Structure formats: C-alpha cells, structure tokens
Amino acid sequence: MSGVVVDTSVWIDFLAGLSTPSLEEALSQGSVILPPIVVAELVSGARRQRERAAIEQLIEKIPVHETPLNHWIRVGELRRDLRSKGVSVSTPDAHVAQCALDRDAVLLSQDAVFTRIARLSPLRVHSA
C-alpha cells in the first residue's frame, strides 16, 4: 500500500472530535494523502473560523495529491466505465477514487458510493 486517501466523510468526523482510529493510525504513520477536492469540500463546509483554522493546519501537514491532466482523463474514463456497468458517480467522487487508484492506495471512507465503485474497479476501500 502506498498510502491512505481519506474522503471528506472521515475528515468531518475527525474534525468534530469523533473516534476515527483508522485515520488516526494513518496520520501517525504519515501515510495520509489528501485529494484536492476534499480540501475544497472541507473549506466550503467550515462554518466557523476555528473550523477553518483546523482545516488549514491539516492542509499544511498532509501531502495533497497532484492532479495533472492525465489524472482528469482517467477520472473521465472511470466515470464512463462505471456508467457502462450501470453505476453513475459524480465527478468529485470519481476524482477521489482515482486519487487512490493513481497511488495504489486504500480509500478510507464512510460513503457507500465508494463501495459500489470498488465492486466494479480495482479500488480498495476501508470503512472508517
């Protein structure tokens, strides 16, 4: 495993102070990878300056997955492939999944859409 990509759903629990042992373990090992869209989702959901400051501290410490043009082409291919198998996913969800696939990483999420993606692709998902 080349790291752990962490979805927004898990970060929300972590930032709220809820127990997230899988994330906490990955953080202690320095293996967390942050998709850029997760950064945008977290920042847009911050209601207070304190929440925003906590998010900014995370962003400074955790590597953000680089997303060159060929990454976005693979995102489109993943969406097309899944749609051909009867599963429609949003571009942000396909982006998060593709970040994990690009890094041969496990995706840590509580969102059922990623379980559906994993059934039809090489994506590996671990529920938080």
C-alpha atoms as a PDB file:
ATOM      1  CA  MET A   1       0.000   0.000   0.000  1.00  0.00           C
ATOM      2  CA  SER A   2       1.309   3.400  -0.973  1.00  0.00           C
ATOM      3  CA  GLY A   3      -0.767   5.389   1.445  1.00  0.00           C
ATOM      4  CA  VAL A   4      -4.299   6.110   2.523  1.00  0.00           C
ATOM      5  CA  VAL A   5      -6.541   8.518   0.639  1.00  0.00           C
ATOM      6  CA  VAL A   6      -9.095   9.946   3.054  1.00  0.00           C
ATOM      7  CA  ASP A   7     -12.551  11.040   1.906  1.00  0.00           C
ATOM      8  CA  THR A   8     -14.399  14.080   3.240  1.00  0.00           C
ATOM      9  CA  SER A   9     -16.822  11.982   5.321  1.00  0.00           C
ATOM     10  CA  VAL A  10     -13.987  10.717   7.518  1.00  0.00           C
ATOM     11  CA  TRP A  11     -12.383  14.154   7.901  1.00  0.00           C
ATOM     12  CA  ILE A  12     -15.707  15.610   9.053  1.00  0.00           C
ATOM     13  CA  ASP A  13     -15.887  13.076  11.887  1.00  0.00           C
ATOM     14  CA  PHE A  14     -12.222  13.617  12.762  1.00  0.00           C
ATOM     15  CA  LEU A  15     -12.614  17.406  12.878  1.00  0.00           C
ATOM     16  CA  ALA A  16     -15.753  17.006  15.015  1.00  0.00           C
ATOM     17  CA  GLY A  17     -13.723  15.051  17.561  1.00  0.00           C
ATOM     18  CA  LEU A  18     -15.359  11.684  16.850  1.00  0.00           C
ATOM     19  CA  SER A  19     -13.344   8.473  17.028  1.00  0.00           C
ATOM     20  CA  THR A  20     -11.572   7.726  13.747  1.00  0.00           C
ATOM     21  CA  PRO A  21      -8.977   5.063  14.640  1.00  0.00           C
ATOM     22  CA  SER A  22      -8.087   4.172  11.036  1.00  0.00           C
ATOM     23  CA  LEU A  23      -7.424   7.811  10.184  1.00  0.00           C
ATOM     24  CA  GLU A  24      -5.521   8.393  13.401  1.00  0.00           C
ATOM     25  CA  GLU A  25      -3.299   5.387  12.655  1.00  0.00           C
ATOM     26  CA  ALA A  26      -2.649   6.587   9.096  1.00  0.00           C
ATOM     27  CA  LEU A  27      -1.823  10.074  10.388  1.00  0.00           C
ATOM     28  CA  SER A  28       0.649   8.655  12.916  1.00  0.00           C
ATOM     29  CA  GLN A  29       2.334   6.677  10.109  1.00  0.00           C
ATOM     30  CA  GLY A  30       2.454   9.697   7.803  1.00  0.00           C
ATOM     31  CA  SER A  31       0.614   7.786   5.083  1.00  0.00           C
ATOM     32  CA  VAL A  32      -2.379  10.091   4.507  1.00  0.00           C
ATOM     33  CA  ILE A  33      -2.962  11.568   1.042  1.00  0.00           C
ATOM     34  CA  LEU A  34      -5.395  14.430   0.543  1.00  0.00           C
ATOM     35  CA  PRO A  35      -7.336  14.791  -2.736  1.00  0.00           C
ATOM     36  CA  PRO A  36      -7.697  18.455  -3.792  1.00  0.00           C
ATOM     37  CA  ILE A  37     -11.499  18.197  -3.995  1.00  0.00           C
ATOM     38  CA  VAL A  38     -11.590  17.101  -0.344  1.00  0.00           C
ATOM     39  CA  VAL A  39      -9.753  20.304   0.562  1.00  0.00           C
ATOM     40  CA  ALA A  40     -12.424  22.313  -1.287  1.00  0.00           C
ATOM     41  CA  GLU A  41     -15.270  20.380   0.365  1.00  0.00           C
ATOM     42  CA  LEU A  42     -13.808  20.836   3.845  1.00  0.00           C
ATOM     43  CA  VAL A  43     -13.150  24.558   3.381  1.00  0.00           C
ATOM     44  CA  SER A  44     -16.620  25.152   1.929  1.00  0.00           C
ATOM     45  CA  GLY A  45     -18.214  23.342   4.874  1.00  0.00           C
ATOM     46  CA  ALA A  46     -16.348  25.249   7.594  1.00  0.00           C
ATOM     47  CA  ARG A  47     -18.895  27.321   9.488  1.00  0.00           C
ATOM     48  CA  ARG A  48     -16.589  28.979  11.990  1.00  0.00           C
ATOM     49  CA  GLN A  49     -13.127  30.470  11.861  1.00  0.00           C
ATOM     50  CA  ARG A  50     -11.949  27.805  14.339  1.00  0.00           C
ATOM     51  CA  GLU A  51     -13.009  25.056  11.913  1.00  0.00           C
ATOM     52  CA  ARG A  52     -11.314  26.849   9.035  1.00  0.00           C
ATOM     53  CA  ALA A  53      -8.092  27.164  11.067  1.00  0.00           C
ATOM     54  CA  ALA A  54      -8.133  23.430  11.884  1.00  0.00           C
ATOM     55  CA  ILE A  55      -8.576  22.613   8.192  1.00  0.00           C
ATOM     56  CA  GLU A  56      -5.724  24.924   7.206  1.00  0.00           C
ATOM     57  CA  GLN A  57      -3.445  23.209   9.743  1.00  0.00           C
ATOM     58  CA  LEU A  58      -4.277  19.843   8.178  1.00  0.00           C
ATOM     59  CA  ILE A  59      -3.603  21.097   4.675  1.00  0.00           C
ATOM     60  CA  GLU A  60      -0.155  22.310   5.707  1.00  0.00           C
ATOM     61  CA  LYS A  61       0.841  18.911   7.153  1.00  0.00           C
ATOM     62  CA  ILE A  62      -0.607  16.418   4.675  1.00  0.00           C
ATOM     63  CA  PRO A  63       0.515  15.886   1.080  1.00  0.00           C
ATOM     64  CA  VAL A  64      -2.089  16.865  -1.483  1.00  0.00           C
ATOM     65  CA  HIS A  65      -2.399  14.501  -4.455  1.00  0.00           C
ATOM     66  CA  GLU A  66      -1.128  16.226  -7.586  1.00  0.00           C
ATOM     67  CA  THR A  67      -3.676  16.117 -10.388  1.00  0.00           C
ATOM     68  CA  PRO A  68      -2.161  16.658 -13.831  1.00  0.00           C
ATOM     69  CA  LEU A  69      -4.270  16.497 -16.982  1.00  0.00           C
ATOM     70  CA  ASN A  70      -3.853  12.730 -17.399  1.00  0.00           C
ATOM     71  CA  HIS A  71      -5.386  12.235 -13.933  1.00  0.00           C
ATOM     72  CA  TRP A  72      -8.542  14.012 -15.110  1.00  0.00           C
ATOM     73  CA  ILE A  73      -8.623  11.896 -18.249  1.00  0.00           C
ATOM     74  CA  ARG A  74      -8.559   8.793 -16.025  1.00  0.00           C
ATOM     75  CA  VAL A  75     -11.365  10.315 -13.904  1.00  0.00           C
ATOM     76  CA  GLY A  76     -13.478  10.613 -17.047  1.00  0.00           C
ATOM     77  CA  GLU A  77     -12.592   7.080 -18.114  1.00  0.00           C
ATOM     78  CA  LEU A  78     -13.521   5.738 -14.677  1.00  0.00           C
ATOM     79  CA  ARG A  79     -16.904   7.501 -14.786  1.00  0.00           C
ATOM     80  CA  ARG A  80     -17.547   6.208 -18.315  1.00  0.00           C
ATOM     81  CA  ASP A  81     -16.557   2.650 -17.348  1.00  0.00           C
ATOM     82  CA  LEU A  82     -18.757   2.699 -14.248  1.00  0.00           C
ATOM     83  CA  ARG A  83     -21.695   4.178 -16.168  1.00  0.00           C
ATOM     84  CA  SER A  84     -21.358   1.375 -18.758  1.00  0.00           C
ATOM     85  CA  LYS A  85     -21.763  -1.057 -15.828  1.00  0.00           C
ATOM     86  CA  GLY A  86     -24.875   0.718 -14.548  1.00  0.00           C
ATOM     87  CA  VAL A  87     -23.307   2.849 -11.807  1.00  0.00           C
ATOM     88  CA  SER A  88     -23.387   6.621 -12.106  1.00  0.00           C
ATOM     89  CA  VAL A  89     -20.967   8.582  -9.905  1.00  0.00           C
ATOM     90  CA  SER A  90     -20.230  12.276  -9.596  1.00  0.00           C
ATOM     91  CA  THR A  91     -17.013  13.757 -10.918  1.00  0.00           C
ATOM     92  CA  PRO A  92     -15.839  14.645  -7.363  1.00  0.00           C
ATOM     93  CA  ASP A  93     -16.381  11.048  -6.191  1.00  0.00           C
ATOM     94  CA  ALA A  94     -14.632   9.666  -9.277  1.00  0.00           C
ATOM     95  CA  HIS A  95     -11.755  12.097  -8.611  1.00  0.00           C
ATOM     96  CA  VAL A  96     -11.346  10.849  -5.020  1.00  0.00           C
ATOM     97  CA  ALA A  97     -11.459   7.225  -6.184  1.00  0.00           C
ATOM     98  CA  GLN A  98      -8.967   7.933  -8.961  1.00  0.00           C
ATOM     99  CA  CYS A  99      -6.580   9.594  -6.493  1.00  0.00           C
ATOM    100  CA  ALA A 100      -6.488   6.290  -4.589  1.00  0.00           C
ATOM    101  CA  LEU A 101      -6.104   4.275  -7.786  1.00  0.00           C
ATOM    102  CA  ASP A 102      -3.278   6.538  -9.014  1.00  0.00           C
ATOM    103  CA  ARG A 103      -1.328   5.921  -5.807  1.00  0.00           C
ATOM    104  CA  ASP A 104      -2.306   2.253  -5.369  1.00  0.00           C
ATOM    105  CA  ALA A 105      -3.646   3.439  -2.031  1.00  0.00           C
ATOM    106  CA  VAL A 106      -6.567   2.371   0.111  1.00  0.00           C
ATOM    107  CA  LEU A 107      -9.502   4.782   0.242  1.00  0.00           C
ATOM    108  CA  LEU A 108     -10.804   5.462   3.740  1.00  0.00           C
ATOM    109  CA  SER A 109     -14.462   6.492   3.526  1.00  0.00           C
ATOM    110  CA  GLN A 110     -17.896   6.103   5.053  1.00  0.00           C
ATOM    111  CA  ASP A 111     -19.659   6.877   1.782  1.00  0.00           C
ATOM    112  CA  ALA A 112     -21.422   3.892   0.170  1.00  0.00           C
ATOM    113  CA  VAL A 113     -20.712   5.157  -3.349  1.00  0.00           C
ATOM    114  CA  PHE A 114     -17.085   4.092  -2.966  1.00  0.00           C
ATOM    115  CA  THR A 115     -18.100   0.548  -2.049  1.00  0.00           C
ATOM    116  CA  ARG A 116     -20.081   0.425  -5.298  1.00  0.00           C
ATOM    117  CA  ILE A 117     -17.062   1.738  -7.224  1.00  0.00           C
ATOM    118  CA  ALA A 118     -14.807  -0.867  -5.575  1.00  0.00           C
ATOM    119  CA  ARG A 119     -17.095  -3.705  -6.683  1.00  0.00           C
ATOM    120  CA  LEU A 120     -16.547  -2.692 -10.309  1.00  0.00           C
ATOM    121  CA  SER A 121     -12.935  -1.488 -10.305  1.00  0.00           C
ATOM    122  CA  PRO A 122      -9.570  -2.163  -8.640  1.00  0.00           C
ATOM    123  CA  LEU A 123     -10.363   0.440  -5.939  1.00  0.00           C
ATOM    124  CA  ARG A 124      -9.737  -0.762  -2.385  1.00  0.00           C
ATOM    125  CA  VAL A 125     -12.000   0.798   0.251  1.00  0.00           C
ATOM    126  CA  HIS A 126     -11.773   0.628   4.014  1.00  0.00           C
ATOM    127  CA  SER A 127     -14.732   1.848   6.064  1.00  0.00           C
ATOM    128  CA  ALA A 128     -13.801   4.199   8.872  1.00  0.00           C
END
